[in-house]
PDB file of N, CA and C in Angstrom:
ATOM      1  N   MET A   1       0.847  -1.181   0.000  1.00  0.00           N
ATOM      2  CA  MET A   1       0.000   0.000   0.000  1.00  0.00           C
ATOM      3  C   MET A   1       0.897   1.250   0.000  1.00  0.00           C
ATOM      4  N   PRO A   2       0.624   2.216  -0.888  1.00  0.00           N
ATOM      5  CA  PRO A   2       1.440   3.432  -0.946  1.00  0.00           C
ATOM      6  C   PRO A   2       1.378   4.216   0.367  1.00  0.00           C
ATOM      7  N   LYS A   3       2.512   4.795   0.713  1.00  0.00           N
ATOM      8  CA  LYS A   3       2.595   5.593   1.931  1.00  0.00           C
ATOM      9  C   LYS A   3       2.218   7.030   1.623  1.00  0.00           C
ATOM     10  N   LYS A   4       1.486   7.628   2.566  1.00  0.00           N
ATOM     11  CA  LYS A   4       1.211   9.058   2.453  1.00  0.00           C
ATOM     12  C   LYS A   4       2.443   9.807   2.913  1.00  0.00           C
ATOM     13  N   ARG A   5       2.858  10.752   2.118  1.00  0.00           N
ATOM     14  CA  ARG A   5       4.010  11.568   2.489  1.00  0.00           C
ATOM     15  C   ARG A   5       3.567  13.022   2.476  1.00  0.00           C
ATOM     16  N   ARG A   6       4.100  13.766   3.392  1.00  0.00           N
ATOM     17  CA  ARG A   6       3.786  15.182   3.493  1.00  0.00           C
ATOM     18  C   ARG A   6       5.073  15.976   3.366  1.00  0.00           C
ATOM     19  N   ILE A   7       4.959  17.153   2.841  1.00  0.00           N
ATOM     20  CA  ILE A   7       6.112  18.020   2.687  1.00  0.00           C
ATOM     21  C   ILE A   7       5.842  19.307   3.471  1.00  0.00           C
ATOM     22  N   THR A   8       6.860  19.797   4.134  1.00  0.00           N
ATOM     23  CA  THR A   8       6.710  21.021   4.908  1.00  0.00           C
ATOM     24  C   THR A   8       6.879  22.230   3.989  1.00  0.00           C
ATOM     25  N   ASP A   9       6.517  23.390   4.502  1.00  0.00           N
ATOM     26  CA  ASP A   9       6.716  24.620   3.723  1.00  0.00           C
ATOM     27  C   ASP A   9       8.188  24.804   3.381  1.00  0.00           C
ATOM     28  N   ASP A  10       9.080  24.560   4.342  1.00  0.00           N
ATOM     29  CA  ASP A  10      10.516  24.697   4.093  1.00  0.00           C
ATOM     30  C   ASP A  10      10.986  23.751   2.999  1.00  0.00           C
ATOM     31  N   GLN A  11      10.522  22.511   3.054  1.00  0.00           N
ATOM     32  CA  GLN A  11      10.930  21.534   2.054  1.00  0.00           C
ATOM     33  C   GLN A  11      10.415  21.936   0.663  1.00  0.00           C
ATOM     34  N   ALA A  12       9.194  22.432   0.599  1.00  0.00           N
ATOM     35  CA  ALA A  12       8.649  22.904  -0.672  1.00  0.00           C
ATOM     36  C   ALA A  12       9.437  24.124  -1.162  1.00  0.00           C
ATOM     37  N   ARG A  13       9.872  24.980  -0.232  1.00  0.00           N
ATOM     38  CA  ARG A  13      10.696  26.138  -0.598  1.00  0.00           C
ATOM     39  C   ARG A  13      12.015  25.673  -1.207  1.00  0.00           C
ATOM     40  N   LEU A  14      12.620  24.636  -0.624  1.00  0.00           N
ATOM     41  CA  LEU A  14      13.864  24.091  -1.164  1.00  0.00           C
ATOM     42  C   LEU A  14      13.648  23.575  -2.584  1.00  0.00           C
ATOM     43  N   LEU A  15      12.543  22.905  -2.821  1.00  0.00           N
ATOM     44  CA  LEU A  15      12.243  22.421  -4.164  1.00  0.00           C
ATOM     45  C   LEU A  15      12.057  23.595  -5.126  1.00  0.00           C
ATOM     46  N   ALA A  16      11.395  24.642  -4.688  1.00  0.00           N
ATOM     47  CA  ALA A  16      11.202  25.828  -5.529  1.00  0.00           C
ATOM     48  C   ALA A  16      12.540  26.496  -5.844  1.00  0.00           C
ATOM     49  N   ILE A  17      13.412  26.597  -4.851  1.00  0.00           N
ATOM     50  CA  ILE A  17      14.741  27.180  -5.069  1.00  0.00           C
ATOM     51  C   ILE A  17      15.508  26.352  -6.087  1.00  0.00           C
ATOM     52  N   THR A  18      15.387  25.041  -6.007  1.00  0.00           N
ATOM     53  CA  THR A  18      16.074  24.156  -6.950  1.00  0.00           C
ATOM     54  C   THR A  18      15.577  24.387  -8.376  1.00  0.00           C
ATOM     55  N   ILE A  19      14.288  24.552  -8.548  1.00  0.00           N
ATOM     56  CA  ILE A  19      13.725  24.820  -9.872  1.00  0.00           C
ATOM     57  C   ILE A  19      14.266  26.147 -10.408  1.00  0.00           C
ATOM     58  N   ILE A  20      14.308  27.159  -9.560  1.00  0.00           N
ATOM     59  CA  ILE A  20      14.828  28.469  -9.980  1.00  0.00           C
ATOM     60  C   ILE A  20      16.296  28.358 -10.345  1.00  0.00           C
ATOM     61  N   GLN A  21      17.074  27.632  -9.524  1.00  0.00           N
ATOM     62  CA  GLN A  21      18.504  27.456  -9.797  1.00  0.00           C
ATOM     63  C   GLN A  21      18.708  26.787 -11.154  1.00  0.00           C
ATOM     64  N   GLN A  22      17.940  25.744 -11.443  1.00  0.00           N
ATOM     65  CA  GLN A  22      18.073  25.050 -12.723  1.00  0.00           C
ATOM     66  C   GLN A  22      17.679  25.950 -13.881  1.00  0.00           C
ATOM     67  N   ALA A  23      16.638  26.757 -13.701  1.00  0.00           N
ATOM     68  CA  ALA A  23      16.210  27.677 -14.760  1.00  0.00           C
ATOM     69  C   ALA A  23      17.286  28.724 -15.026  1.00  0.00           C
ATOM     70  N   VAL A  24      17.865  29.275 -13.971  1.00  0.00           N
ATOM     71  CA  VAL A  24      18.915  30.280 -14.133  1.00  0.00           C
ATOM     72  C   VAL A  24      20.126  29.666 -14.814  1.00  0.00           C
ATOM     73  N   THR A  25      20.499  28.468 -14.419  1.00  0.00           N
ATOM     74  CA  THR A  25      21.652  27.795 -15.005  1.00  0.00           C
ATOM     75  C   THR A  25      21.452  27.538 -16.494  1.00  0.00           C
ATOM     76  N   ASN A  26      20.236  27.203 -16.890  1.00  0.00           N
ATOM     77  CA  ASN A  26      19.952  26.849 -18.276  1.00  0.00           C
ATOM     78  C   ASN A  26      19.385  28.002 -19.109  1.00  0.00           C
ATOM     79  N   LEU A  27      19.457  29.202 -18.587  1.00  0.00           N
ATOM     80  CA  LEU A  27      18.827  30.343 -19.241  1.00  0.00           C
ATOM     81  C   LEU A  27      19.445  30.678 -20.586  1.00  0.00           C
ATOM     82  N   GLY A  28      20.743  30.612 -20.686  1.00  0.00           N
ATOM     83  CA  GLY A  28      21.389  30.956 -21.950  1.00  0.00           C
ATOM     84  C   GLY A  28      21.348  32.443 -22.203  1.00  0.00           C
ATOM     85  N   ARG A  29      21.289  32.804 -23.439  1.00  0.00           N
ATOM     86  CA  ARG A  29      21.317  34.224 -23.812  1.00  0.00           C
ATOM     87  C   ARG A  29      19.952  34.857 -23.584  1.00  0.00           C
ATOM     88  N   LEU A  30      19.974  35.930 -22.821  1.00  0.00           N
ATOM     89  CA  LEU A  30      18.753  36.705 -22.615  1.00  0.00           C
ATOM     90  C   LEU A  30      18.591  37.679 -23.768  1.00  0.00           C
ATOM     91  N   GLY A  31      17.394  38.030 -24.048  1.00  0.00           N
ATOM     92  CA  GLY A  31      17.171  38.996 -25.115  1.00  0.00           C
ATOM     93  C   GLY A  31      15.697  39.297 -25.234  1.00  0.00           C
ATOM     94  N   ALA A  32      15.317  39.725 -26.407  1.00  0.00           N
ATOM     95  CA  ALA A  32      13.941  40.137 -26.639  1.00  0.00           C
ATOM     96  C   ALA A  32      12.943  39.025 -26.321  1.00  0.00           C
ATOM     97  N   ASN A  33      13.322  37.780 -26.609  1.00  0.00           N
ATOM     98  CA  ASN A  33      12.397  36.667 -26.356  1.00  0.00           C
ATOM     99  C   ASN A  33      12.036  36.541 -24.887  1.00  0.00           C
ATOM    100  N   TYR A  34      12.999  36.792 -23.997  1.00  0.00           N
ATOM    101  CA  TYR A  34      12.759  36.651 -22.568  1.00  0.00           C
ATOM    102  C   TYR A  34      12.295  37.951 -21.925  1.00  0.00           C
ATOM    103  N   LEU A  35      12.783  39.069 -22.435  1.00  0.00           N
ATOM    104  CA  LEU A  35      12.591  40.335 -21.744  1.00  0.00           C
ATOM    105  C   LEU A  35      11.654  41.292 -22.467  1.00  0.00           C
ATOM    106  N   GLY A  36      11.080  40.873 -23.557  1.00  0.00           N
ATOM    107  CA  GLY A  36      10.253  41.755 -24.372  1.00  0.00           C
ATOM    108  C   GLY A  36       9.095  42.393 -23.637  1.00  0.00           C
ATOM    109  N   ASP A  37       8.525  41.704 -22.674  1.00  0.00           N
ATOM    110  CA  ASP A  37       7.387  42.248 -21.934  1.00  0.00           C
ATOM    111  C   ASP A  37       7.812  43.224 -20.849  1.00  0.00           C
ATOM    112  N   VAL A  38       9.121  43.291 -20.564  1.00  0.00           N
ATOM    113  CA  VAL A  38       9.612  44.121 -19.472  1.00  0.00           C
ATOM    114  C   VAL A  38      10.354  45.351 -19.970  1.00  0.00           C
ATOM    115  N   LEU A  39      11.168  45.167 -20.997  1.00  0.00           N
ATOM    116  CA  LEU A  39      11.947  46.284 -21.534  1.00  0.00           C
ATOM    117  C   LEU A  39      11.037  47.290 -22.230  1.00  0.00           C
ATOM    118  N   PRO A  40      11.476  48.559 -22.292  1.00  0.00           N
ATOM    119  CA  PRO A  40      10.687  49.554 -23.040  1.00  0.00           C
ATOM    120  C   PRO A  40      10.510  49.128 -24.496  1.00  0.00           C
ATOM    121  N   VAL A  41       9.429  49.557 -25.104  1.00  0.00           N
ATOM    122  CA  VAL A  41       9.085  49.186 -26.474  1.00  0.00           C
ATOM    123  C   VAL A  41      10.215  49.536 -27.440  1.00  0.00           C
ATOM    124  N   LYS A  42      10.912  50.644 -27.201  1.00  0.00           N
ATOM    125  CA  LYS A  42      11.965  51.067 -28.142  1.00  0.00           C
ATOM    126  C   LYS A  42      13.074  50.030 -28.277  1.00  0.00           C
ATOM    127  N   TRP A  43      13.250  49.143 -27.285  1.00  0.00           N
ATOM    128  CA  TRP A  43      14.269  48.092 -27.388  1.00  0.00           C
ATOM    129  C   TRP A  43      13.910  47.081 -28.470  1.00  0.00           C
ATOM    130  N   GLN A  44      12.663  47.025 -28.849  1.00  0.00           N
ATOM    131  CA  GLN A  44      12.194  46.044 -29.826  1.00  0.00           C
ATOM    132  C   GLN A  44      12.120  46.614 -31.245  1.00  0.00           C
ATOM    133  N   ASP A  45      12.679  47.815 -31.471  1.00  0.00           N
ATOM    134  CA  ASP A  45      12.545  48.462 -32.773  1.00  0.00           C
ATOM    135  C   ASP A  45      13.565  47.995 -33.809  1.00  0.00           C
ATOM    136  N   GLY A  46      14.390  47.015 -33.448  1.00  0.00           N
ATOM    137  CA  GLY A  46      15.377  46.499 -34.377  1.00  0.00           C
ATOM    138  C   GLY A  46      16.645  47.334 -34.458  1.00  0.00           C
ATOM    139  N   GLN A  47      16.716  48.396 -33.678  1.00  0.00           N
ATOM    140  CA  GLN A  47      17.886  49.262 -33.726  1.00  0.00           C
ATOM    141  C   GLN A  47      18.742  49.164 -32.466  1.00  0.00           C
ATOM    142  N   THR A  48      18.432  48.245 -31.592  1.00  0.00           N
ATOM    143  CA  THR A  48      19.226  48.057 -30.379  1.00  0.00           C
ATOM    144  C   THR A  48      20.498  47.314 -30.759  1.00  0.00           C
ATOM    145  N   SER A  49      21.635  47.886 -30.384  1.00  0.00           N
ATOM    146  CA  SER A  49      22.929  47.324 -30.786  1.00  0.00           C
ATOM    147  C   SER A  49      23.248  46.044 -30.020  1.00  0.00           C
ATOM    148  N   GLU A  50      24.107  45.227 -30.608  1.00  0.00           N
ATOM    149  CA  GLU A  50      24.572  44.010 -29.930  1.00  0.00           C
ATOM    150  C   GLU A  50      25.253  44.332 -28.596  1.00  0.00           C
ATOM    151  N   PRO A  51      26.119  45.387 -28.538  1.00  0.00           N
ATOM    152  CA  PRO A  51      26.702  45.716 -27.226  1.00  0.00           C
ATOM    153  C   PRO A  51      25.641  46.052 -26.177  1.00  0.00           C
ATOM    154  N   SER A  52      24.524  46.655 -26.590  1.00  0.00           N
ATOM    155  CA  SER A  52      23.442  46.947 -25.643  1.00  0.00           C
ATOM    156  C   SER A  52      22.816  45.657 -25.131  1.00  0.00           C
ATOM    157  N   TRP A  53      22.562  44.701 -26.039  1.00  0.00           N
ATOM    158  CA  TRP A  53      22.017  43.408 -25.628  1.00  0.00           C
ATOM    159  C   TRP A  53      23.015  42.666 -24.742  1.00  0.00           C
ATOM    160  N   ASP A  54      24.292  42.766 -25.078  1.00  0.00           N
ATOM    161  CA  ASP A  54      25.324  42.142 -24.246  1.00  0.00           C
ATOM    162  C   ASP A  54      25.321  42.731 -22.844  1.00  0.00           C
ATOM    163  N   HIS A  55      25.130  44.043 -22.762  1.00  0.00           N
ATOM    164  CA  HIS A  55      25.092  44.709 -21.454  1.00  0.00           C
ATOM    165  C   HIS A  55      23.881  44.245 -20.640  1.00  0.00           C
ATOM    166  N   VAL A  56      22.733  44.133 -21.311  1.00  0.00           N
ATOM    167  CA  VAL A  56      21.535  43.605 -20.634  1.00  0.00           C
ATOM    168  C   VAL A  56      21.829  42.217 -20.085  1.00  0.00           C
ATOM    169  N   GLN A  57      22.437  41.386 -20.912  1.00  0.00           N
ATOM    170  CA  GLN A  57      22.780  40.013 -20.523  1.00  0.00           C
ATOM    171  C   GLN A  57      23.678  40.003 -19.296  1.00  0.00           C
ATOM    172  N   LEU A  58      24.751  40.769 -19.350  1.00  0.00           N
ATOM    173  CA  LEU A  58      25.719  40.801 -18.266  1.00  0.00           C
ATOM    174  C   LEU A  58      25.092  41.294 -16.966  1.00  0.00           C
ATOM    175  N   GLU A  59      24.432  42.421 -17.022  1.00  0.00           N
ATOM    176  CA  GLU A  59      23.866  43.005 -15.800  1.00  0.00           C
ATOM    177  C   GLU A  59      22.741  42.149 -15.229  1.00  0.00           C
ATOM    178  N   THR A  60      21.960  41.525 -16.097  1.00  0.00           N
ATOM    179  CA  THR A  60      20.894  40.642 -15.612  1.00  0.00           C
ATOM    180  C   THR A  60      21.489  39.421 -14.916  1.00  0.00           C
ATOM    181  N   HIS A  61      22.549  38.864 -15.471  1.00  0.00           N
ATOM    182  CA  HIS A  61      23.195  37.715 -14.834  1.00  0.00           C
ATOM    183  C   HIS A  61      23.829  38.093 -13.497  1.00  0.00           C
ATOM    184  N   VAL A  62      24.386  39.290 -13.401  1.00  0.00           N
ATOM    185  CA  VAL A  62      24.932  39.753 -12.121  1.00  0.00           C
ATOM    186  C   VAL A  62      23.821  39.801 -11.075  1.00  0.00           C
ATOM    187  N   GLN A  63      22.681  40.350 -11.440  1.00  0.00           N
ATOM    188  CA  GLN A  63      21.566  40.443 -10.493  1.00  0.00           C
ATOM    189  C   GLN A  63      20.989  39.069 -10.164  1.00  0.00           C
ATOM    190  N   LEU A  64      20.912  38.186 -11.167  1.00  0.00           N
ATOM    191  CA  LEU A  64      20.446  36.819 -10.899  1.00  0.00           C
ATOM    192  C   LEU A  64      21.379  36.108  -9.921  1.00  0.00           C
ATOM    193  N   GLN A  65      22.681  36.329 -10.056  1.00  0.00           N
ATOM    194  CA  GLN A  65      23.626  35.692  -9.146  1.00  0.00           C
ATOM    195  C   GLN A  65      23.442  36.210  -7.718  1.00  0.00           C
ATOM    196  N   LYS A  66      23.194  37.502  -7.573  1.00  0.00           N
ATOM    197  CA  LYS A  66      22.946  38.064  -6.244  1.00  0.00           C
ATOM    198  C   LYS A  66      21.697  37.444  -5.623  1.00  0.00           C
ATOM    199  N   ILE A  67      20.662  37.300  -6.428  1.00  0.00           N
ATOM    200  CA  ILE A  67      19.421  36.680  -5.946  1.00  0.00           C
ATOM    201  C   ILE A  67      19.677  35.218  -5.579  1.00  0.00           C
ATOM    202  N   MET A  68      20.437  34.501  -6.440  1.00  0.00           N
ATOM    203  CA  MET A  68      20.724  33.095  -6.168  1.00  0.00           C
ATOM    204  C   MET A  68      21.572  32.934  -4.907  1.00  0.00           C
ATOM    205  N   ASP A  69      22.451  33.875  -4.625  1.00  0.00           N
ATOM    206  CA  ASP A  69      23.228  33.817  -3.386  1.00  0.00           C
ATOM    207  C   ASP A  69      22.297  33.812  -2.177  1.00  0.00           C
ATOM    208  N   CYS A  70      21.261  34.636  -2.222  1.00  0.00           N
ATOM    209  CA  CYS A  70      20.274  34.656  -1.131  1.00  0.00           C
ATOM    210  C   CYS A  70      19.521  33.334  -1.058  1.00  0.00           C
ATOM    211  N   PHE A  71      19.114  32.826  -2.210  1.00  0.00           N
ATOM    212  CA  PHE A  71      18.419  31.538  -2.242  1.00  0.00           C
ATOM    213  C   PHE A  71      19.310  30.417  -1.714  1.00  0.00           C
ATOM    214  N   ASN A  72      20.589  30.457  -2.056  1.00  0.00           N
ATOM    215  CA  ASN A  72      21.505  29.424  -1.587  1.00  0.00           C
ATOM    216  C   ASN A  72      21.639  29.442  -0.068  1.00  0.00           C
ATOM    217  N   GLU A  73      21.663  30.618   0.530  1.00  0.00           N
ATOM    218  CA  GLU A  73      21.707  30.720   1.993  1.00  0.00           C
ATOM    219  C   GLU A  73      20.455  30.100   2.609  1.00  0.00           C
ATOM    220  N   GLU A  74      19.312  30.371   2.014  1.00  0.00           N
ATOM    221  CA  GLU A  74      18.061  29.784   2.499  1.00  0.00           C
ATOM    222  C   GLU A  74      18.087  28.270   2.308  1.00  0.00           C
ATOM    223  N   ALA A  75      18.610  27.802   1.186  1.00  0.00           N
ATOM    224  CA  ALA A  75      18.689  26.358   0.938  1.00  0.00           C
ATOM    225  C   ALA A  75      19.594  25.687   1.965  1.00  0.00           C
ATOM    226  N   LYS A  76      20.714  26.324   2.306  1.00  0.00           N
ATOM    227  CA  LYS A  76      21.613  25.749   3.326  1.00  0.00           C
ATOM    228  C   LYS A  76      20.888  25.594   4.651  1.00  0.00           C
ATOM    229  N   ARG A  77      20.115  26.605   5.031  1.00  0.00           N
ATOM    230  CA  ARG A  77      19.366  26.539   6.287  1.00  0.00           C
ATOM    231  C   ARG A  77      18.362  25.385   6.251  1.00  0.00           C
ATOM    232  N   ILE A  78      17.666  25.254   5.155  1.00  0.00           N
ATOM    233  CA  ILE A  78      16.652  24.206   5.038  1.00  0.00           C
ATOM    234  C   ILE A  78      17.288  22.828   5.087  1.00  0.00           C
ATOM    235  N   VAL A  79      18.401  22.642   4.376  1.00  0.00           N
ATOM    236  CA  VAL A  79      19.068  21.339   4.353  1.00  0.00           C
ATOM    237  C   VAL A  79      19.577  20.972   5.738  1.00  0.00           C
ATOM    238  N   GLN A  80      20.057  21.942   6.498  1.00  0.00           N
ATOM    239  CA  GLN A  80      20.524  21.655   7.860  1.00  0.00           C
ATOM    240  C   GLN A  80      19.387  21.145   8.727  1.00  0.00           C
ATOM    241  N   GLU A  81      18.189  21.680   8.516  1.00  0.00           N
ATOM    242  CA  GLU A  81      17.033  21.279   9.317  1.00  0.00           C
ATOM    243  C   GLU A  81      16.318  20.060   8.745  1.00  0.00           C
ATOM    244  N   ASN A  82      16.620  19.690   7.521  1.00  0.00           N
ATOM    245  CA  ASN A  82      15.965  18.569   6.829  1.00  0.00           C
ATOM    246  C   ASN A  82      17.040  17.726   6.166  1.00  0.00           C
ATOM    247  N   GLN A  83      17.752  16.972   6.940  1.00  0.00           N
ATOM    248  CA  GLN A  83      18.954  16.291   6.468  1.00  0.00           C
ATOM    249  C   GLN A  83      18.691  15.242   5.386  1.00  0.00           C
ATOM    250  N   ASP A  84      17.466  14.793   5.229  1.00  0.00           N
ATOM    251  CA  ASP A  84      17.159  13.841   4.161  1.00  0.00           C
ATOM    252  C   ASP A  84      17.076  14.523   2.798  1.00  0.00           C
ATOM    253  N   PHE A  85      16.909  15.840   2.792  1.00  0.00           N
ATOM    254  CA  PHE A  85      16.802  16.589   1.546  1.00  0.00           C
ATOM    255  C   PHE A  85      18.186  17.027   1.094  1.00  0.00           C
ATOM    256  N   ARG A  86      18.353  17.140  -0.217  1.00  0.00           N
ATOM    257  CA  ARG A  86      19.626  17.576  -0.792  1.00  0.00           C
ATOM    258  C   ARG A  86      19.358  18.769  -1.692  1.00  0.00           C
ATOM    259  N   TYR A  87      20.352  19.605  -1.853  1.00  0.00           N
ATOM    260  CA  TYR A  87      20.249  20.745  -2.752  1.00  0.00           C
ATOM    261  C   TYR A  87      21.348  20.623  -3.783  1.00  0.00           C
ATOM    262  N   PRO A  88      21.015  20.169  -4.985  1.00  0.00           N
ATOM    263  CA  PRO A  88      22.037  19.900  -6.010  1.00  0.00           C
ATOM    264  C   PRO A  88      22.526  21.159  -6.723  1.00  0.00           C
ATOM    265  N   SER A  89      23.275  21.963  -5.993  1.00  0.00           N
ATOM    266  CA  SER A  89      23.774  23.203  -6.578  1.00  0.00           C
ATOM    267  C   SER A  89      25.260  23.338  -6.278  1.00  0.00           C
ATOM    268  N   ASN A  90      26.067  22.554  -6.960  1.00  0.00           N
ATOM    269  CA  ASN A  90      27.528  22.607  -6.781  1.00  0.00           C
ATOM    270  C   ASN A  90      27.937  22.365  -5.326  1.00  0.00           C
ATOM    271  N   GLY A  91      27.097  21.709  -4.556  1.00  0.00           N
ATOM    272  CA  GLY A  91      27.429  21.470  -3.157  1.00  0.00           C
ATOM    273  C   GLY A  91      27.323  22.702  -2.292  1.00  0.00           C
ATOM    274  N   ILE A  92      26.762  23.779  -2.818  1.00  0.00           N
ATOM    275  CA  ILE A  92      26.695  25.039  -2.084  1.00  0.00           C
ATOM    276  C   ILE A  92      25.940  24.853  -0.780  1.00  0.00           C
ATOM    277  N   ALA A  93      24.830  24.146  -0.820  1.00  0.00           N
ATOM    278  CA  ALA A  93      24.019  23.993   0.387  1.00  0.00           C
ATOM    279  C   ALA A  93      24.687  23.104   1.421  1.00  0.00           C
ATOM    280  N   GLN A  94      25.642  22.287   1.021  1.00  0.00           N
ATOM    281  CA  GLN A  94      26.260  21.372   1.966  1.00  0.00           C
ATOM    282  C   GLN A  94      27.461  21.977   2.698  1.00  0.00           C
ATOM    283  N   ARG A  95      27.854  23.201   2.364  1.00  0.00           N
ATOM    284  CA  ARG A  95      29.007  23.809   3.030  1.00  0.00           C
ATOM    285  C   ARG A  95      28.825  23.929   4.512  1.00  0.00           C
TER     286      ARG A  95
END
C-alpha cells in the first residue's frame, strides 16, 4: 500500500529554489524573447545594438547571481534542518 508523504513549507521552498537554480543555469542568452514584456518598447525596434544586448545580458546575470546567493543561503538553512533533503547546486548547500 502506498505511503502518504507530506512536505513542509521549508521543504517545498527548497524544491522551488532548486527549480529556480536550474532555470537560471539553463537560461542561456537573454534577449527580446525573454525580456520583451519588461523592456521599453523602443528596445524592440530592431535598432538596439549588440553591445546593448550584451550589457543587458551581463547586468541581468549579475543580479540573478545576487538573488541566487540569497536563495543558496536559504537552501543551506533548510538542508541543515531537513537532512534527508539535498540541494544539487555545486554542493553550495552542503558547506
